[in-house]
């Protein structure tokens, strides 16, 4: 994904959120965000099932209520990210950094955690 395409997706989604869906465009689709800098990105309520976030920097990103089923977060930095109420069914967090990530009420069923850094104790595997 080219930097301009990433910027366009983020800007349109931010506008969609701030206008309650009246303007902009919701972030939807299977995207390759691998190795992208998404620090502090506002992607709450995005529909990004099957997207690739391998080695992406998602530090402080807001993914609250996002649908991220089967997304790949291998070696991604999710430190301080908000994943509250997100659907992460079948997601791959192999070697991911999850220090201080908020995963309250996130659906983590069948998610893969191998050699990851500190999953919060309040994580829900329902």
C-alpha atoms as a PDB file:
ATOM      1  CA  UNK A   1       0.000   0.000   0.000  1.00  0.00           C
ATOM      2  CA  UNK A   2       1.328   3.373  -1.014  1.00  0.00           C
ATOM      3  CA  UNK A   3       1.592   6.094   1.683  1.00  0.00           C
ATOM      4  CA  UNK A   4      -0.933   8.253  -0.188  1.00  0.00           C
ATOM      5  CA  UNK A   5      -3.489   5.427  -0.247  1.00  0.00           C
ATOM      6  CA  UNK A   6      -2.984   4.824   3.491  1.00  0.00           C
ATOM      7  CA  UNK A   7      -3.407   8.536   4.227  1.00  0.00           C
ATOM      8  CA  UNK A   8      -6.582   8.612   2.134  1.00  0.00           C
ATOM      9  CA  UNK A   9      -8.095   5.608   3.978  1.00  0.00           C
ATOM     10  CA  UNK A  10      -7.291   7.117   7.385  1.00  0.00           C
ATOM     11  CA  UNK A  11      -8.588  10.581   6.477  1.00  0.00           C
ATOM     12  CA  UNK A  12     -11.835   9.266   4.956  1.00  0.00           C
ATOM     13  CA  UNK A  13     -12.445   7.002   7.970  1.00  0.00           C
ATOM     14  CA  UNK A  14     -11.813   9.851  10.423  1.00  0.00           C
ATOM     15  CA  UNK A  15     -14.340  11.991   8.533  1.00  0.00           C
ATOM     16  CA  UNK A  16     -16.824   9.091   8.516  1.00  0.00           C
ATOM     17  CA  UNK A  17     -16.470   8.743  12.294  1.00  0.00           C
ATOM     18  CA  UNK A  18     -16.727  12.454  13.069  1.00  0.00           C
ATOM     19  CA  UNK A  19     -19.799  12.898  10.843  1.00  0.00           C
ATOM     20  CA  UNK A  20     -21.587   9.797  12.165  1.00  0.00           C
ATOM     21  CA  UNK A  21     -21.342   8.178   8.750  1.00  0.00           C
ATOM     22  CA  UNK A  22     -22.716  11.118   6.746  1.00  0.00           C
ATOM     23  CA  UNK A  23     -19.401  12.072   5.126  1.00  0.00           C
ATOM     24  CA  UNK A  24     -16.159  10.317   4.305  1.00  0.00           C
ATOM     25  CA  UNK A  25     -15.889   6.562   3.975  1.00  0.00           C
ATOM     26  CA  UNK A  26     -15.635   3.769   6.499  1.00  0.00           C
ATOM     27  CA  UNK A  27     -12.374   1.791   6.349  1.00  0.00           C
ATOM     28  CA  UNK A  28     -13.487  -1.527   4.859  1.00  0.00           C
ATOM     29  CA  UNK A  29     -11.644  -4.345   3.169  1.00  0.00           C
ATOM     30  CA  UNK A  30      -8.683  -6.667   3.305  1.00  0.00           C
ATOM     31  CA  UNK A  31      -5.684  -4.342   3.296  1.00  0.00           C
ATOM     32  CA  UNK A  32      -1.945  -4.831   3.583  1.00  0.00           C
ATOM     33  CA  UNK A  33      -0.792  -2.508   6.357  1.00  0.00           C
ATOM     34  CA  UNK A  34       2.428  -4.475   6.911  1.00  0.00           C
ATOM     35  CA  UNK A  35       5.333  -2.351   8.139  1.00  0.00           C
ATOM     36  CA  UNK A  36       3.177   0.807   8.086  1.00  0.00           C
ATOM     37  CA  UNK A  37       3.344   3.520  10.732  1.00  0.00           C
ATOM     38  CA  UNK A  38      -0.159   3.671  12.199  1.00  0.00           C
ATOM     39  CA  UNK A  39       0.784   5.266  15.520  1.00  0.00           C
ATOM     40  CA  UNK A  40      -2.298   6.860  17.031  1.00  0.00           C
ATOM     41  CA  UNK A  41      -4.439   5.960  14.007  1.00  0.00           C
ATOM     42  CA  UNK A  42      -8.183   6.327  14.487  1.00  0.00           C
ATOM     43  CA  UNK A  43      -9.657   3.087  13.115  1.00  0.00           C
ATOM     44  CA  UNK A  44     -12.485   2.454  15.550  1.00  0.00           C
ATOM     45  CA  UNK A  45     -15.437   0.656  13.947  1.00  0.00           C
ATOM     46  CA  UNK A  46     -13.347  -0.211  10.858  1.00  0.00           C
ATOM     47  CA  UNK A  47     -14.156  -3.456   9.011  1.00  0.00           C
ATOM     48  CA  UNK A  48     -10.710  -4.872   8.303  1.00  0.00           C
ATOM     49  CA  UNK A  49     -11.138  -8.649   8.517  1.00  0.00           C
ATOM     50  CA  UNK A  50      -8.221 -10.608   6.995  1.00  0.00           C
ATOM     51  CA  UNK A  51      -5.989  -7.510   6.873  1.00  0.00           C
ATOM     52  CA  UNK A  52      -2.230  -7.789   7.316  1.00  0.00           C
ATOM     53  CA  UNK A  53      -0.599  -5.679  10.053  1.00  0.00           C
ATOM     54  CA  UNK A  54       2.703  -7.609  10.161  1.00  0.00           C
ATOM     55  CA  UNK A  55       5.439  -5.421  11.706  1.00  0.00           C
ATOM     56  CA  UNK A  56       3.074  -2.424  11.702  1.00  0.00           C
ATOM     57  CA  UNK A  57       3.456   0.241  14.371  1.00  0.00           C
ATOM     58  CA  UNK A  58      -0.003   0.548  15.959  1.00  0.00           C
ATOM     59  CA  UNK A  59       1.217   2.127  19.173  1.00  0.00           C
ATOM     60  CA  UNK A  60      -1.679   4.081  20.686  1.00  0.00           C
ATOM     61  CA  UNK A  61      -3.980   3.295  17.754  1.00  0.00           C
ATOM     62  CA  UNK A  62      -7.723   3.252  18.404  1.00  0.00           C
ATOM     63  CA  UNK A  63      -9.276   0.043  17.056  1.00  0.00           C
ATOM     64  CA  UNK A  64     -12.241   0.087  19.427  1.00  0.00           C
ATOM     65  CA  UNK A  65     -15.193  -1.927  18.068  1.00  0.00           C
ATOM     66  CA  UNK A  66     -13.257  -2.748  14.881  1.00  0.00           C
ATOM     67  CA  UNK A  67     -13.815  -6.034  13.092  1.00  0.00           C
ATOM     68  CA  UNK A  68     -10.414  -7.631  12.664  1.00  0.00           C
ATOM     69  CA  UNK A  69     -11.199 -11.342  12.375  1.00  0.00           C
ATOM     70  CA  UNK A  70      -8.273 -13.350  11.038  1.00  0.00           C
ATOM     71  CA  UNK A  71      -6.094 -10.207  10.874  1.00  0.00           C
ATOM     72  CA  UNK A  72      -2.346 -10.811  11.120  1.00  0.00           C
ATOM     73  CA  UNK A  73      -0.461  -8.793  13.742  1.00  0.00           C
ATOM     74  CA  UNK A  74       2.839 -10.733  13.638  1.00  0.00           C
ATOM     75  CA  UNK A  75       5.611  -8.690  15.275  1.00  0.00           C
ATOM     76  CA  UNK A  76       3.309  -5.640  15.335  1.00  0.00           C
ATOM     77  CA  UNK A  77       3.624  -2.993  18.036  1.00  0.00           C
ATOM     78  CA  UNK A  78       0.226  -2.667  19.734  1.00  0.00           C
ATOM     79  CA  UNK A  79       1.556  -0.964  22.845  1.00  0.00           C
ATOM     80  CA  UNK A  80      -1.163   1.243  24.392  1.00  0.00           C
ATOM     81  CA  UNK A  81      -3.553   0.390  21.534  1.00  0.00           C
ATOM     82  CA  UNK A  82      -7.292   0.370  22.201  1.00  0.00           C
ATOM     83  CA  UNK A  83      -8.848  -2.917  21.083  1.00  0.00           C
ATOM     84  CA  UNK A  84     -11.846  -2.688  23.390  1.00  0.00           C
ATOM     85  CA  UNK A  85     -14.921  -4.539  22.057  1.00  0.00           C
ATOM     86  CA  UNK A  86     -13.018  -5.426  18.858  1.00  0.00           C
ATOM     87  CA  UNK A  87     -13.673  -8.696  17.059  1.00  0.00           C
ATOM     88  CA  UNK A  88     -10.289 -10.413  16.835  1.00  0.00           C
ATOM     89  CA  UNK A  89     -11.518 -13.969  16.256  1.00  0.00           C
ATOM     90  CA  UNK A  90      -8.740 -16.020  14.696  1.00  0.00           C
ATOM     91  CA  UNK A  91      -6.265 -13.102  14.691  1.00  0.00           C
ATOM     92  CA  UNK A  92      -2.535 -13.881  14.796  1.00  0.00           C
ATOM     93  CA  UNK A  93      -0.524 -12.019  17.450  1.00  0.00           C
ATOM     94  CA  UNK A  94       2.698 -14.038  17.106  1.00  0.00           C
ATOM     95  CA  UNK A  95       5.597 -12.034  18.583  1.00  0.00           C
ATOM     96  CA  UNK A  96       3.385  -8.934  18.923  1.00  0.00           C
ATOM     97  CA  UNK A  97       3.935  -6.291  21.596  1.00  0.00           C
ATOM     98  CA  UNK A  98       0.713  -5.826  23.557  1.00  0.00           C
ATOM     99  CA  UNK A  99       2.038  -3.954  26.578  1.00  0.00           C
ATOM    100  CA  UNK A 100      -0.749  -1.818  28.097  1.00  0.00           C
ATOM    101  CA  UNK A 101      -3.118  -2.614  25.214  1.00  0.00           C
ATOM    102  CA  UNK A 102      -6.785  -2.324  26.181  1.00  0.00           C
ATOM    103  CA  UNK A 103      -8.485  -5.548  25.090  1.00  0.00           C
ATOM    104  CA  UNK A 104     -11.469  -5.370  27.432  1.00  0.00           C
ATOM    105  CA  UNK A 105     -14.437  -7.307  26.047  1.00  0.00           C
ATOM    106  CA  UNK A 106     -12.541  -8.033  22.814  1.00  0.00           C
ATOM    107  CA  UNK A 107     -13.435 -11.313  21.137  1.00  0.00           C
ATOM    108  CA  UNK A 108     -10.201 -13.290  21.016  1.00  0.00           C
ATOM    109  CA  UNK A 109     -11.555 -16.782  20.320  1.00  0.00           C
ATOM    110  CA  UNK A 110      -9.117 -18.891  18.258  1.00  0.00           C
ATOM    111  CA  UNK A 111      -6.579 -16.044  18.272  1.00  0.00           C
ATOM    112  CA  UNK A 112      -2.926 -17.112  18.164  1.00  0.00           C
ATOM    113  CA  UNK A 113      -0.530 -15.838  20.806  1.00  0.00           C
ATOM    114  CA  UNK A 114       3.005 -17.165  20.514  1.00  0.00           C
ATOM    115  CA  UNK A 115       5.990 -15.452  22.061  1.00  0.00           C
ATOM    116  CA  UNK A 116       4.053 -12.209  22.503  1.00  0.00           C
ATOM    117  CA  UNK A 117       4.744  -9.474  25.022  1.00  0.00           C
ATOM    118  CA  UNK A 118       2.309  -9.197  27.947  1.00  0.00           C
ATOM    119  CA  UNK A 119      -1.338  -9.773  27.213  1.00  0.00           C
ATOM    120  CA  UNK A 120      -3.321  -7.806  29.796  1.00  0.00           C
ATOM    121  CA  UNK A 121      -4.820  -9.902  32.570  1.00  0.00           C
ATOM    122  CA  UNK A 122      -8.350  -8.665  31.819  1.00  0.00           C
ATOM    123  CA  UNK A 123      -8.398 -10.105  28.280  1.00  0.00           C
ATOM    124  CA  UNK A 124     -11.539 -11.993  27.362  1.00  0.00           C
ATOM    125  CA  UNK A 125     -11.415 -15.199  25.355  1.00  0.00           C
ATOM    126  CA  UNK A 126     -15.181 -15.643  25.001  1.00  0.00           C
END
